[in-house]
């Protein structure tokens, strides 16, 4: 595990409170009449303090939540215990570990971009399973953080990254992210084979 990455993320999670509410894009999909979320095994990539993992557990999913920061995982565990939810919290460096193939009915990934992980994400979801992925676009650098292009999607990159999947919903562009505008791309897609 990269101690530099862990140290950096531990420090960030110690000083930031963040929202306890799930990502709006996740709520939009799970609570829509278009997709009846029936539960199953879910994987939350780079879960932070677990806001999305907790939300999915509340909606009947058996959730595995991956995160490099021990500080964030401890806070997620604390909140889940308060709510009497069981979540499999795992401290992992996603740049140095593999995902289980064909294991998950749902994979969610919010505000984390590791391009080398795309092939593993596509293979970790079961045939018939779904992916919900949303993060910042390259245009975000004009508005604020993040600015590093390594962590910003190019236009249509997210859509291109899930070729071969059935795209159920896709959006890209300027949106309201909390109280401030942000440039984001989001996809809801199903693995068909």
C-alpha atoms as a PDB file:
ATOM      1  CA  UNK A   1       0.000   0.000   0.000  1.00  0.00           C
ATOM      2  CA  UNK A   2       1.350   3.399  -0.921  1.00  0.00           C
ATOM      3  CA  UNK A   3       2.030   5.102   2.399  1.00  0.00           C
ATOM      4  CA  UNK A   4       2.244   8.494   0.661  1.00  0.00           C
ATOM      5  CA  UNK A   5      -1.276   8.132  -0.752  1.00  0.00           C
ATOM      6  CA  UNK A   6      -2.625   6.789   2.519  1.00  0.00           C
ATOM      7  CA  UNK A   7      -1.016   9.611   4.519  1.00  0.00           C
ATOM      8  CA  UNK A   8      -2.348  12.253   2.125  1.00  0.00           C
ATOM      9  CA  UNK A   9      -5.908  10.865   2.180  1.00  0.00           C
ATOM     10  CA  UNK A  10      -5.869  10.306   5.952  1.00  0.00           C
ATOM     11  CA  UNK A  11      -4.906  13.964   6.419  1.00  0.00           C
ATOM     12  CA  UNK A  12      -7.610  15.129   4.039  1.00  0.00           C
ATOM     13  CA  UNK A  13     -10.302  13.050   5.759  1.00  0.00           C
ATOM     14  CA  UNK A  14      -9.209  14.316   9.188  1.00  0.00           C
ATOM     15  CA  UNK A  15      -9.728  17.935   8.142  1.00  0.00           C
ATOM     16  CA  UNK A  16     -12.793  17.666   5.894  1.00  0.00           C
ATOM     17  CA  UNK A  17     -16.246  16.753   7.036  1.00  0.00           C
ATOM     18  CA  UNK A  18     -17.899  16.141   3.685  1.00  0.00           C
ATOM     19  CA  UNK A  19     -21.510  15.283   3.169  1.00  0.00           C
ATOM     20  CA  UNK A  20     -23.169  12.326   4.818  1.00  0.00           C
ATOM     21  CA  UNK A  21     -25.741  12.352   2.025  1.00  0.00           C
ATOM     22  CA  UNK A  22     -25.259   9.950  -0.889  1.00  0.00           C
ATOM     23  CA  UNK A  23     -24.183  11.320  -4.245  1.00  0.00           C
ATOM     24  CA  UNK A  24     -27.186  12.939  -5.964  1.00  0.00           C
ATOM     25  CA  UNK A  25     -26.513  10.969  -9.173  1.00  0.00           C
ATOM     26  CA  UNK A  26     -26.643   7.699  -7.201  1.00  0.00           C
ATOM     27  CA  UNK A  27     -29.937   8.668  -5.563  1.00  0.00           C
ATOM     28  CA  UNK A  28     -31.334   9.708  -8.914  1.00  0.00           C
ATOM     29  CA  UNK A  29     -30.645   6.245 -10.354  1.00  0.00           C
ATOM     30  CA  UNK A  30     -31.546   4.084  -7.343  1.00  0.00           C
ATOM     31  CA  UNK A  31     -34.761   5.949  -6.596  1.00  0.00           C
ATOM     32  CA  UNK A  32     -35.926   6.193 -10.196  1.00  0.00           C
ATOM     33  CA  UNK A  33     -38.842   4.212 -11.515  1.00  0.00           C
ATOM     34  CA  UNK A  34     -36.655   3.249 -14.473  1.00  0.00           C
ATOM     35  CA  UNK A  35     -34.460   0.881 -12.450  1.00  0.00           C
ATOM     36  CA  UNK A  36     -35.910  -1.116  -9.591  1.00  0.00           C
ATOM     37  CA  UNK A  37     -32.803  -1.644  -7.444  1.00  0.00           C
ATOM     38  CA  UNK A  38     -33.347  -5.191  -6.247  1.00  0.00           C
ATOM     39  CA  UNK A  39     -30.294  -5.510  -4.053  1.00  0.00           C
ATOM     40  CA  UNK A  40     -27.474  -7.989  -4.478  1.00  0.00           C
ATOM     41  CA  UNK A  41     -23.731  -7.532  -4.020  1.00  0.00           C
ATOM     42  CA  UNK A  42     -22.447  -3.985  -4.435  1.00  0.00           C
ATOM     43  CA  UNK A  43     -18.927  -2.586  -4.562  1.00  0.00           C
ATOM     44  CA  UNK A  44     -18.162   1.037  -3.657  1.00  0.00           C
ATOM     45  CA  UNK A  45     -14.822   2.091  -5.174  1.00  0.00           C
ATOM     46  CA  UNK A  46     -12.806   4.683  -3.184  1.00  0.00           C
ATOM     47  CA  UNK A  47     -15.706   4.981  -0.761  1.00  0.00           C
ATOM     48  CA  UNK A  48     -14.308   7.779   1.405  1.00  0.00           C
ATOM     49  CA  UNK A  49     -16.331   7.957   4.635  1.00  0.00           C
ATOM     50  CA  UNK A  50     -18.942   5.639   3.183  1.00  0.00           C
ATOM     51  CA  UNK A  51     -21.874   7.873   2.329  1.00  0.00           C
ATOM     52  CA  UNK A  52     -22.728   5.839  -0.789  1.00  0.00           C
ATOM     53  CA  UNK A  53     -21.956   2.463   0.820  1.00  0.00           C
ATOM     54  CA  UNK A  54     -24.309   3.273   3.698  1.00  0.00           C
ATOM     55  CA  UNK A  55     -27.024   4.396   1.296  1.00  0.00           C
ATOM     56  CA  UNK A  56     -26.736   1.168  -0.709  1.00  0.00           C
ATOM     57  CA  UNK A  57     -26.833  -0.964   2.455  1.00  0.00           C
ATOM     58  CA  UNK A  58     -30.003   0.885   3.470  1.00  0.00           C
ATOM     59  CA  UNK A  59     -31.457  -0.155   0.107  1.00  0.00           C
ATOM     60  CA  UNK A  60     -30.812  -3.851   0.592  1.00  0.00           C
ATOM     61  CA  UNK A  61     -27.378  -4.299  -0.975  1.00  0.00           C
ATOM     62  CA  UNK A  62     -24.617  -6.393   0.598  1.00  0.00           C
ATOM     63  CA  UNK A  63     -21.868  -3.783   0.256  1.00  0.00           C
ATOM     64  CA  UNK A  64     -18.095  -4.042   0.062  1.00  0.00           C
ATOM     65  CA  UNK A  65     -16.492  -0.612   0.446  1.00  0.00           C
ATOM     66  CA  UNK A  66     -12.877  -0.040  -0.645  1.00  0.00           C
ATOM     67  CA  UNK A  67     -10.763   2.910   0.492  1.00  0.00           C
ATOM     68  CA  UNK A  68      -7.070   3.638   1.076  1.00  0.00           C
ATOM     69  CA  UNK A  69      -7.655   5.936   4.069  1.00  0.00           C
ATOM     70  CA  UNK A  70      -7.911   4.238   7.479  1.00  0.00           C
ATOM     71  CA  UNK A  71      -9.342   7.499   8.857  1.00  0.00           C
ATOM     72  CA  UNK A  72     -12.196   7.508   6.336  1.00  0.00           C
ATOM     73  CA  UNK A  73     -12.922   3.805   6.889  1.00  0.00           C
ATOM     74  CA  UNK A  74     -13.096   4.287  10.676  1.00  0.00           C
ATOM     75  CA  UNK A  75     -15.662   7.070  10.232  1.00  0.00           C
ATOM     76  CA  UNK A  76     -17.673   4.944   7.789  1.00  0.00           C
ATOM     77  CA  UNK A  77     -17.657   1.997  10.212  1.00  0.00           C
ATOM     78  CA  UNK A  78     -18.774   4.255  13.053  1.00  0.00           C
ATOM     79  CA  UNK A  79     -21.695   5.639  11.072  1.00  0.00           C
ATOM     80  CA  UNK A  80     -22.734   2.185   9.815  1.00  0.00           C
ATOM     81  CA  UNK A  81     -22.687   0.797  13.359  1.00  0.00           C
ATOM     82  CA  UNK A  82     -24.869   3.686  14.561  1.00  0.00           C
ATOM     83  CA  UNK A  83     -27.351   2.774  11.831  1.00  0.00           C
ATOM     84  CA  UNK A  84     -27.006  -0.960  12.558  1.00  0.00           C
ATOM     85  CA  UNK A  85     -25.802  -1.681   9.026  1.00  0.00           C
ATOM     86  CA  UNK A  86     -23.342  -4.393   8.047  1.00  0.00           C
ATOM     87  CA  UNK A  87     -20.784  -3.318   5.440  1.00  0.00           C
ATOM     88  CA  UNK A  88     -17.534  -5.042   4.497  1.00  0.00           C
ATOM     89  CA  UNK A  89     -15.025  -2.172   4.898  1.00  0.00           C
ATOM     90  CA  UNK A  90     -11.667  -2.933   3.254  1.00  0.00           C
ATOM     91  CA  UNK A  91      -8.555  -0.802   3.281  1.00  0.00           C
ATOM     92  CA  UNK A  92      -7.075  -1.138  -0.204  1.00  0.00           C
ATOM     93  CA  UNK A  93      -4.715   0.664  -2.503  1.00  0.00           C
ATOM     94  CA  UNK A  94      -6.623   0.355  -5.766  1.00  0.00           C
ATOM     95  CA  UNK A  95      -3.437   0.935  -7.739  1.00  0.00           C
ATOM     96  CA  UNK A  96      -1.926  -2.228  -6.241  1.00  0.00           C
ATOM     97  CA  UNK A  97      -4.818  -4.657  -5.807  1.00  0.00           C
ATOM     98  CA  UNK A  98      -7.182  -6.597  -8.047  1.00  0.00           C
ATOM     99  CA  UNK A  99     -10.969  -6.717  -8.070  1.00  0.00           C
ATOM    100  CA  UNK A 100     -12.872  -9.996  -7.978  1.00  0.00           C
ATOM    101  CA  UNK A 101     -14.087 -10.907 -11.472  1.00  0.00           C
ATOM    102  CA  UNK A 102     -17.816 -11.239 -12.145  1.00  0.00           C
ATOM    103  CA  UNK A 103     -18.609 -10.791  -8.476  1.00  0.00           C
ATOM    104  CA  UNK A 104     -20.878  -7.746  -8.195  1.00  0.00           C
ATOM    105  CA  UNK A 105     -24.435  -6.872  -9.170  1.00  0.00           C
ATOM    106  CA  UNK A 106     -23.608  -3.176  -8.830  1.00  0.00           C
ATOM    107  CA  UNK A 107     -20.380  -1.186  -8.816  1.00  0.00           C
ATOM    108  CA  UNK A 108     -20.387   2.495  -7.888  1.00  0.00           C
ATOM    109  CA  UNK A 109     -17.505   4.884  -8.391  1.00  0.00           C
ATOM    110  CA  UNK A 110     -17.784   8.565  -7.476  1.00  0.00           C
ATOM    111  CA  UNK A 111     -15.158  11.313  -7.654  1.00  0.00           C
ATOM    112  CA  UNK A 112     -12.310   8.867  -8.242  1.00  0.00           C
ATOM    113  CA  UNK A 113     -10.572   8.428 -11.560  1.00  0.00           C
ATOM    114  CA  UNK A 114      -7.983   5.724 -12.057  1.00  0.00           C
ATOM    115  CA  UNK A 115      -7.959   4.983 -15.758  1.00  0.00           C
ATOM    116  CA  UNK A 116      -6.050   1.714 -15.319  1.00  0.00           C
ATOM    117  CA  UNK A 117      -9.003   0.442 -13.250  1.00  0.00           C
ATOM    118  CA  UNK A 118     -11.552   0.611 -16.099  1.00  0.00           C
ATOM    119  CA  UNK A 119     -10.866  -2.920 -17.454  1.00  0.00           C
ATOM    120  CA  UNK A 120     -11.138  -4.402 -13.952  1.00  0.00           C
ATOM    121  CA  UNK A 121     -14.392  -2.512 -13.282  1.00  0.00           C
ATOM    122  CA  UNK A 122     -15.906  -3.861 -16.483  1.00  0.00           C
ATOM    123  CA  UNK A 123     -14.921  -7.405 -15.523  1.00  0.00           C
ATOM    124  CA  UNK A 124     -15.848  -7.194 -11.821  1.00  0.00           C
ATOM    125  CA  UNK A 125     -19.529  -6.574 -12.521  1.00  0.00           C
ATOM    126  CA  UNK A 126     -21.586  -9.706 -13.244  1.00  0.00           C
ATOM    127  CA  UNK A 127     -23.192 -10.126 -16.659  1.00  0.00           C
ATOM    128  CA  UNK A 128     -26.532  -8.365 -16.229  1.00  0.00           C
ATOM    129  CA  UNK A 129     -25.076  -6.227 -13.437  1.00  0.00           C
ATOM    130  CA  UNK A 130     -24.776  -2.460 -13.405  1.00  0.00           C
ATOM    131  CA  UNK A 131     -22.195   0.299 -13.038  1.00  0.00           C
ATOM    132  CA  UNK A 132     -22.918   3.811 -11.780  1.00  0.00           C
ATOM    133  CA  UNK A 133     -19.911   6.062 -12.279  1.00  0.00           C
ATOM    134  CA  UNK A 134     -19.593   9.834 -11.957  1.00  0.00           C
ATOM    135  CA  UNK A 135     -16.630  12.167 -11.688  1.00  0.00           C
ATOM    136  CA  UNK A 136     -15.237  15.478 -12.901  1.00  0.00           C
ATOM    137  CA  UNK A 137     -14.640  16.530 -16.493  1.00  0.00           C
ATOM    138  CA  UNK A 138     -11.579  18.308 -17.864  1.00  0.00           C
ATOM    139  CA  UNK A 139     -13.605  21.556 -17.887  1.00  0.00           C
ATOM    140  CA  UNK A 140     -13.640  21.470 -14.064  1.00  0.00           C
ATOM    141  CA  UNK A 141     -10.122  22.909 -14.024  1.00  0.00           C
ATOM    142  CA  UNK A 142     -11.672  26.255 -15.103  1.00  0.00           C
ATOM    143  CA  UNK A 143     -13.836  26.353 -11.957  1.00  0.00           C
ATOM    144  CA  UNK A 144     -11.554  24.998  -9.264  1.00  0.00           C
ATOM    145  CA  UNK A 145     -10.490  21.625  -7.900  1.00  0.00           C
ATOM    146  CA  UNK A 146      -9.429  19.173  -9.105  1.00  0.00           C
ATOM    147  CA  UNK A 147      -7.122  20.722 -11.685  1.00  0.00           C
ATOM    148  CA  UNK A 148      -4.770  17.839 -12.473  1.00  0.00           C
ATOM    149  CA  UNK A 149      -5.822  16.388 -15.863  1.00  0.00           C
ATOM    150  CA  UNK A 150      -4.870  12.915 -14.599  1.00  0.00           C
ATOM    151  CA  UNK A 151      -7.991  13.097 -12.402  1.00  0.00           C
ATOM    152  CA  UNK A 152     -10.323  14.687 -14.952  1.00  0.00           C
ATOM    153  CA  UNK A 153     -12.267  12.892 -17.667  1.00  0.00           C
ATOM    154  CA  UNK A 154     -11.892  14.006 -21.254  1.00  0.00           C
ATOM    155  CA  UNK A 155     -15.101  14.661 -23.191  1.00  0.00           C
ATOM    156  CA  UNK A 156     -16.892  11.361 -23.934  1.00  0.00           C
ATOM    157  CA  UNK A 157     -14.124   9.389 -22.190  1.00  0.00           C
ATOM    158  CA  UNK A 158     -16.507   7.827 -19.673  1.00  0.00           C
ATOM    159  CA  UNK A 159     -18.909   6.828 -22.418  1.00  0.00           C
ATOM    160  CA  UNK A 160     -16.051   5.338 -24.455  1.00  0.00           C
ATOM    161  CA  UNK A 161     -14.755   3.452 -21.405  1.00  0.00           C
ATOM    162  CA  UNK A 162     -17.942   1.398 -21.192  1.00  0.00           C
ATOM    163  CA  UNK A 163     -18.235   0.394 -24.837  1.00  0.00           C
ATOM    164  CA  UNK A 164     -19.931  -2.985 -25.060  1.00  0.00           C
ATOM    165  CA  UNK A 165     -22.149  -2.153 -22.080  1.00  0.00           C
ATOM    166  CA  UNK A 166     -25.791  -1.158 -22.513  1.00  0.00           C
ATOM    167  CA  UNK A 167     -25.878   2.537 -21.599  1.00  0.00           C
ATOM    168  CA  UNK A 168     -29.095   3.215 -19.711  1.00  0.00           C
ATOM    169  CA  UNK A 169     -28.310   6.837 -18.864  1.00  0.00           C
ATOM    170  CA  UNK A 170     -25.448   9.200 -19.615  1.00  0.00           C
ATOM    171  CA  UNK A 171     -24.858  12.872 -18.991  1.00  0.00           C
ATOM    172  CA  UNK A 172     -21.925  15.180 -19.352  1.00  0.00           C
ATOM    173  CA  UNK A 173     -21.450  18.898 -18.815  1.00  0.00           C
ATOM    174  CA  UNK A 174     -21.997  21.647 -16.306  1.00  0.00           C
ATOM    175  CA  UNK A 175     -24.272  20.822 -13.406  1.00  0.00           C
ATOM    176  CA  UNK A 176     -24.907  21.878  -9.855  1.00  0.00           C
ATOM    177  CA  UNK A 177     -22.742  19.809  -7.510  1.00  0.00           C
ATOM    178  CA  UNK A 178     -24.075  20.737  -4.103  1.00  0.00           C
ATOM    179  CA  UNK A 179     -24.222  24.525  -3.884  1.00  0.00           C
ATOM    180  CA  UNK A 180     -21.550  25.154  -6.519  1.00  0.00           C
ATOM    181  CA  UNK A 181     -21.505  24.472 -10.243  1.00  0.00           C
ATOM    182  CA  UNK A 182     -19.234  21.698 -11.484  1.00  0.00           C
ATOM    183  CA  UNK A 183     -18.380  19.967 -14.742  1.00  0.00           C
ATOM    184  CA  UNK A 184     -19.147  16.255 -14.411  1.00  0.00           C
ATOM    185  CA  UNK A 185     -19.862  13.140 -16.428  1.00  0.00           C
ATOM    186  CA  UNK A 186     -22.016  10.287 -15.179  1.00  0.00           C
ATOM    187  CA  UNK A 187     -23.019   6.926 -16.593  1.00  0.00           C
ATOM    188  CA  UNK A 188     -25.457   4.191 -15.612  1.00  0.00           C
ATOM    189  CA  UNK A 189     -24.675   1.108 -17.673  1.00  0.00           C
ATOM    190  CA  UNK A 190     -25.372  -2.621 -17.722  1.00  0.00           C
ATOM    191  CA  UNK A 191     -22.936  -5.382 -18.570  1.00  0.00           C
ATOM    192  CA  UNK A 192     -24.678  -7.474 -21.202  1.00  0.00           C
ATOM    193  CA  UNK A 193     -22.152 -10.315 -21.483  1.00  0.00           C
END
